Amino acid sequence: MSYEILVKPAAQRQLKKLPIEIQQNLIVLIESLAEEPRLFGCKKLKGRQNQYRV
């Protein structure tokens, strides 16, 4: 099963400010969350339904 990844515009703007190598690494990580959204060490956000912090 594949999930949809939504990146807020503010996060996109912050990502563009980073060096290109870091951008590329983060994009790969973010895209991998579509296949496995709950990586080792992720935590459920209190007071939120089905939202986690990586």
Protein backbone atom coordinates (compact mmCIF):
# COMPACT_ATOMS: atom_id res chain seq x y z
CA MET A 1 0.00 0.00 0.00
CA SER A 2 1.27 3.45 -0.89
CA TYR A 3 0.44 6.64 1.01
CA GLU A 4 0.21 10.21 -0.19
CA ILE A 5 2.82 12.64 1.09
CA LEU A 6 1.72 16.25 1.53
CA VAL A 7 4.39 18.90 2.11
CA LYS A 8 3.08 22.26 3.22
CA PRO A 9 4.18 25.33 1.22
CA ALA A 10 6.12 26.70 4.21
CA ALA A 11 8.09 23.44 4.44
CA GLN A 12 8.76 23.56 0.69
CA ARG A 13 10.15 27.08 1.02
CA GLN A 14 12.42 26.01 3.89
CA LEU A 15 13.61 23.00 1.90
CA LYS A 16 14.59 25.23 -1.04
CA LYS A 17 16.84 27.28 1.27
CA LEU A 18 19.01 24.25 2.07
CA PRO A 19 22.08 23.19 0.08
CA ILE A 20 21.18 21.03 -2.93
CA GLU A 21 22.78 17.86 -1.49
CA ILE A 22 20.71 18.12 1.69
CA GLN A 23 17.58 18.87 -0.36
CA GLN A 24 18.12 15.73 -2.43
CA ASN A 25 18.69 13.56 0.67
CA LEU A 26 15.56 14.90 2.35
CA ILE A 27 13.45 14.43 -0.76
CA VAL A 28 14.50 10.77 -0.94
CA LEU A 29 13.63 10.32 2.75
CA ILE A 30 10.28 12.10 2.40
CA GLU A 31 9.35 10.07 -0.68
CA SER A 32 10.26 6.83 1.13
CA LEU A 33 7.60 7.66 3.72
CA ALA A 34 4.94 6.89 1.09
CA GLU A 35 5.92 3.22 1.30
CA GLU A 36 6.78 2.98 5.02
CA PRO A 37 5.33 5.95 6.93
CA ARG A 38 6.14 4.70 10.41
CA LEU A 39 9.90 4.39 10.46
CA PHE A 40 11.74 3.03 13.49
CA GLY A 41 11.65 5.65 16.22
CA CYS A 42 8.57 7.54 15.01
CA LYS A 43 6.16 8.75 17.68
CA LYS A 44 2.42 9.34 17.58
CA LEU A 45 1.51 12.99 18.11
CA LYS A 46 -0.56 13.56 21.23
CA GLY A 47 -4.03 14.90 20.58
CA ARG A 48 -3.82 14.01 16.86
CA GLN A 49 -5.46 11.16 15.07
CA ASN A 50 -3.19 9.18 12.73
CA GLN A 51 -0.37 11.74 12.78
CA TYR A 52 3.22 10.84 13.64
CA ARG A 53 6.55 12.59 14.10
CA VAL A 54 9.66 11.16 12.47
